[in-house]
N, C-alpha and C. Protein backbone atom coordinates (compact mmCIF):
# COMPACT_ATOMS: atom_id res chain seq x y z
N MET A 1 0.54 -1.00 0.07
CA MET A 1 0.47 0.01 0.14
C MET A 1 0.90 1.25 -0.03
N ALA A 2 0.56 2.20 -1.34
CA ALA A 2 1.13 3.48 -0.75
C ALA A 2 0.41 4.46 -0.27
N GLY A 3 1.00 5.47 0.36
CA GLY A 3 0.39 6.60 0.78
C GLY A 3 0.04 6.31 2.20
N SER A 4 -0.52 7.24 2.92
CA SER A 4 -0.92 6.83 4.34
C SER A 4 -2.62 6.64 3.86
N PHE A 5 -3.10 5.59 4.83
CA PHE A 5 -4.12 5.44 4.92
C PHE A 5 -4.90 4.98 6.25
N THR A 6 -5.79 4.48 6.99
CA THR A 6 -6.33 4.58 8.19
C THR A 6 -6.26 3.08 8.92
N LEU A 7 -5.80 2.80 9.45
CA LEU A 7 -5.15 1.77 10.82
C LEU A 7 -6.12 0.52 10.20
N ASP A 8 -7.65 0.58 10.46
CA ASP A 8 -8.49 -0.20 9.93
C ASP A 8 -8.14 -1.28 8.61
N ARG A 9 -7.04 -0.54 7.93
CA ARG A 9 -7.11 -1.41 6.48
C ARG A 9 -5.95 -1.80 6.59
N LEU A 10 -5.23 -2.15 7.46
CA LEU A 10 -3.99 -2.60 7.85
C LEU A 10 -4.50 -4.22 8.16
N ALA A 11 -3.71 -4.94 7.16
CA ALA A 11 -4.32 -6.53 7.35
C ALA A 11 -3.44 -7.34 8.29
N PRO A 12 -3.57 -8.19 8.60
CA PRO A 12 -3.32 -9.03 10.05
C PRO A 12 -1.74 -9.67 9.36
N GLY A 13 -0.45 -9.73 9.85
CA GLY A 13 0.83 -9.51 9.75
C GLY A 13 1.50 -8.16 8.99
N GLU A 14 0.63 -7.10 8.94
CA GLU A 14 1.10 -5.87 8.04
C GLU A 14 1.80 -5.28 9.49
N SER A 15 2.73 -4.19 9.10
CA SER A 15 3.21 -2.98 10.09
C SER A 15 3.17 -1.97 9.17
N ALA A 16 2.82 -0.65 10.01
CA ALA A 16 2.99 0.67 9.47
C ALA A 16 3.43 1.70 10.72
N ARG A 17 3.48 2.72 10.35
CA ARG A 17 3.95 3.86 11.00
C ARG A 17 2.81 4.70 11.64
N VAL A 18 2.34 5.48 12.51
CA VAL A 18 1.30 5.85 13.03
C VAL A 18 1.68 7.55 12.63
N VAL A 19 0.75 8.25 11.97
CA VAL A 19 0.79 9.40 11.59
C VAL A 19 0.26 10.63 12.01
N SER A 20 -1.46 10.05 12.36
CA SER A 20 -2.05 10.79 13.04
C SER A 20 -3.43 10.75 13.71
N LEU A 21 -3.38 11.23 14.86
CA LEU A 21 -5.31 10.48 15.75
C LEU A 21 -6.18 11.65 15.01
N SER A 22 -7.31 11.65 14.55
CA SER A 22 -8.28 12.61 14.26
C SER A 22 -9.64 12.10 15.48
N SER A 23 -9.22 11.39 16.61
CA SER A 23 -10.00 11.44 17.79
C SER A 23 -10.06 12.32 18.59
N GLU A 24 -11.07 12.98 19.24
CA GLU A 24 -11.17 13.87 20.72
C GLU A 24 -10.74 13.79 21.80
N GLY A 25 -11.25 14.18 22.85
CA GLY A 25 -11.19 14.02 23.94
C GLY A 25 -10.83 12.93 24.58
N PRO A 26 -11.87 11.82 25.52
CA PRO A 26 -11.13 10.88 26.45
C PRO A 26 -10.84 9.74 24.98
N GLU A 27 -11.64 9.88 24.59
CA GLU A 27 -11.05 8.74 23.55
C GLU A 27 -9.80 8.69 22.77
N ARG A 28 -9.12 9.91 22.42
CA ARG A 28 -7.70 10.63 22.39
C ARG A 28 -6.50 10.21 22.91
N ARG A 29 -7.12 10.89 24.33
CA ARG A 29 -7.00 10.31 25.73
C ARG A 29 -6.15 8.49 25.67
N ARG A 30 -7.18 8.03 25.69
CA ARG A 30 -7.07 6.48 25.96
C ARG A 30 -5.66 6.03 24.81
N LEU A 31 -6.07 6.93 23.29
CA LEU A 31 -5.05 6.31 22.44
C LEU A 31 -4.06 6.45 22.75
N LEU A 32 -3.72 7.45 23.07
CA LEU A 32 -2.27 8.04 23.33
C LEU A 32 -1.65 6.98 24.88
N ASP A 33 -2.89 6.95 25.42
CA ASP A 33 -2.13 6.26 26.67
C ASP A 33 -1.82 4.92 26.72
N LEU A 34 -2.26 4.18 24.89
CA LEU A 34 -2.10 2.75 24.76
C LEU A 34 -0.67 3.04 24.12
N GLY A 35 -0.37 4.30 23.75
CA GLY A 35 1.38 4.69 22.95
C GLY A 35 0.85 4.69 21.65
N LEU A 36 -0.30 5.17 21.38
CA LEU A 36 -0.18 5.48 20.17
C LEU A 36 -0.13 6.90 19.37
N LEU A 37 1.06 7.30 19.68
CA LEU A 37 1.85 8.43 18.87
C LEU A 37 2.19 8.52 17.82
N PRO A 38 2.23 9.62 17.41
CA PRO A 38 3.30 9.84 15.88
C PRO A 38 4.27 9.39 15.90
N GLY A 39 4.72 8.33 14.87
CA GLY A 39 6.39 8.01 14.47
C GLY A 39 6.14 6.70 15.45
N VAL A 40 5.22 5.93 15.82
CA VAL A 40 5.11 4.69 16.59
C VAL A 40 4.91 3.23 15.65
N GLN A 41 5.84 2.32 15.63
CA GLN A 41 5.30 1.43 14.72
C GLN A 41 4.31 0.77 15.40
N ILE A 42 3.46 0.01 14.26
CA ILE A 42 2.41 -0.67 14.81
C ILE A 42 1.98 -1.61 13.94
N LYS A 43 1.52 -3.30 14.37
CA LYS A 43 1.60 -3.93 13.60
C LYS A 43 0.61 -4.87 13.52
N ALA A 44 -0.79 -5.03 13.03
CA ALA A 44 -2.32 -5.86 13.41
C ALA A 44 -1.55 -7.44 13.05
N SER A 45 -1.57 -8.12 14.23
CA SER A 45 -1.78 -9.38 14.93
C SER A 45 -2.95 -9.89 14.70
N LEU A 46 -4.39 -9.76 15.03
CA LEU A 46 -4.96 -10.99 15.44
C LEU A 46 -6.32 -10.13 14.79
N ARG A 47 -6.88 -10.61 14.17
CA ARG A 47 -8.58 -10.43 13.95
C ARG A 47 -9.56 -11.31 14.53
N SER A 48 -10.87 -10.63 15.25
CA SER A 48 -11.64 -11.89 15.55
C SER A 48 -12.41 -12.30 14.69
N PRO A 49 -12.66 -13.54 14.52
CA PRO A 49 -13.62 -14.60 13.80
C PRO A 49 -14.61 -13.58 12.82
N LEU A 50 -15.41 -12.53 13.86
CA LEU A 50 -16.50 -11.80 12.71
C LEU A 50 -16.11 -10.20 12.54
N GLY A 51 -14.57 -10.32 12.31
CA GLY A 51 -13.66 -9.09 12.17
C GLY A 51 -13.55 -7.88 12.61
N ASP A 52 -14.27 -7.96 14.07
CA ASP A 52 -13.98 -6.86 15.23
C ASP A 52 -14.18 -7.18 16.10
N PRO A 53 -12.99 -6.97 17.04
CA PRO A 53 -12.14 -6.22 17.00
C PRO A 53 -10.90 -6.81 16.35
N THR A 54 -9.84 -6.23 16.26
CA THR A 54 -8.71 -6.60 16.08
C THR A 54 -7.72 -5.96 17.17
N ALA A 55 -6.88 -7.16 17.31
CA ALA A 55 -5.38 -6.87 17.58
C ALA A 55 -4.45 -5.96 17.33
N TYR A 56 -3.42 -5.34 17.73
CA TYR A 56 -2.41 -4.66 16.77
C TYR A 56 -1.23 -4.85 18.55
N GLU A 57 -0.14 -4.83 17.46
CA GLU A 57 0.98 -4.74 18.31
C GLU A 57 1.66 -3.73 18.48
N VAL A 58 1.98 -3.01 19.63
CA VAL A 58 2.39 -1.70 20.05
C VAL A 58 3.52 -1.69 20.76
N ARG A 59 5.03 -1.44 20.64
CA ARG A 59 5.63 -1.37 21.63
C ARG A 59 5.30 -2.36 22.86
N GLY A 60 5.44 -3.71 22.10
CA GLY A 60 5.51 -4.56 22.93
C GLY A 60 3.88 -5.11 23.32
N ALA A 61 3.13 -4.55 23.42
CA ALA A 61 1.75 -4.65 23.80
C ALA A 61 0.93 -5.24 22.98
N LEU A 62 0.36 -5.82 23.48
CA LEU A 62 -0.93 -6.27 22.31
C LEU A 62 -2.15 -5.46 23.04
N ILE A 63 -3.22 -4.63 22.37
CA ILE A 63 -4.12 -3.85 22.09
C ILE A 63 -5.21 -4.59 21.28
N ALA A 64 -6.52 -4.06 22.14
CA ALA A 64 -7.61 -4.62 20.80
C ALA A 64 -8.22 -3.34 20.76
N LEU A 65 -8.64 -3.28 18.95
CA LEU A 65 -9.22 -1.67 18.81
C LEU A 65 -10.41 -2.22 17.77
N ARG A 66 -11.26 -1.57 18.40
CA ARG A 66 -12.44 -1.47 17.31
C ARG A 66 -12.32 -1.00 15.75
N ARG A 67 -13.54 -0.90 14.64
CA ARG A 67 -12.86 -0.56 13.43
C ARG A 67 -13.04 0.66 13.43
N GLU A 68 -13.87 1.31 13.92
CA GLU A 68 -14.89 2.83 14.49
C GLU A 68 -13.35 3.68 15.15
N GLN A 69 -12.68 2.68 15.90
CA GLN A 69 -11.32 3.48 16.43
C GLN A 69 -10.17 3.33 15.46
N ALA A 70 -9.76 2.16 15.51
CA ALA A 70 -9.15 2.50 14.30
C ALA A 70 -9.28 2.69 12.59
N ALA A 71 -9.97 3.50 12.78
CA ALA A 71 -10.48 4.19 11.48
C ALA A 71 -9.92 5.29 11.21
N LYS A 72 -10.10 6.16 12.88
CA LYS A 72 -9.61 7.32 13.07
C LYS A 72 -7.71 7.77 13.60
N ILE A 73 -7.74 6.32 12.61
CA ILE A 73 -5.79 6.61 12.94
C ILE A 73 -5.22 6.97 11.97
N THR A 74 -4.19 7.87 11.02
CA THR A 74 -4.10 7.35 9.98
C THR A 74 -2.73 6.89 10.39
N VAL A 75 -1.98 5.71 9.62
CA VAL A 75 -0.85 5.70 9.20
C VAL A 75 0.00 5.77 8.02
N GLU A 76 0.97 5.26 7.94
CA GLU A 76 1.82 4.97 6.38
C GLU A 76 2.73 3.97 6.43
N PRO A 77 2.49 3.17 5.23
CA PRO A 77 3.69 1.92 5.08
C PRO A 77 4.83 1.97 5.33
N LEU A 78 5.37 1.02 6.44
CA LEU A 78 7.24 1.13 6.54
C LEU A 78 7.42 0.52 5.27
N GLU A 79 8.93 0.89 5.41
CA GLU A 79 9.87 0.86 3.87
C GLU A 79 10.49 -0.44 4.04
N VAL A 80 10.20 -1.09 3.09
CA VAL A 80 10.58 -2.64 3.25
C VAL A 80 12.02 -2.05 2.40
N THR A 81 13.22 -3.46 3.75
CA THR A 81 14.63 -2.89 2.63
C THR A 81 15.05 -4.41 2.57
N ALA A 82 15.80 -4.42 1.65
CA ALA A 82 16.52 -5.79 0.97
C ALA A 82 17.46 -6.29 2.14
N ASP A 83 17.02 -7.45 2.51
CA ASP A 83 18.21 -8.08 3.25
C ASP A 83 19.64 -8.41 2.64
N ALA A 84 20.93 -8.31 2.59
CA ALA A 84 21.54 -8.60 1.31
C ALA A 84 22.35 -9.95 2.25
């Protein structure tokens, strides 16, 4: 995926970097407290059988976010480097 997109579009196993949060108030505070700060790497780890919520790995912790929460987080794909 090129360019920035919302976190809810990240497939399990894919990683990205947080760009911004578009939520406000207590929800924004909760996301920040969970470590979702601009520049932080995040990986989609598990998706529930019904597709919501999804578990994300952030700074070594596993957190669950509902699709509506993840849609308020803008991320950018990590650059892929070739191992020599």
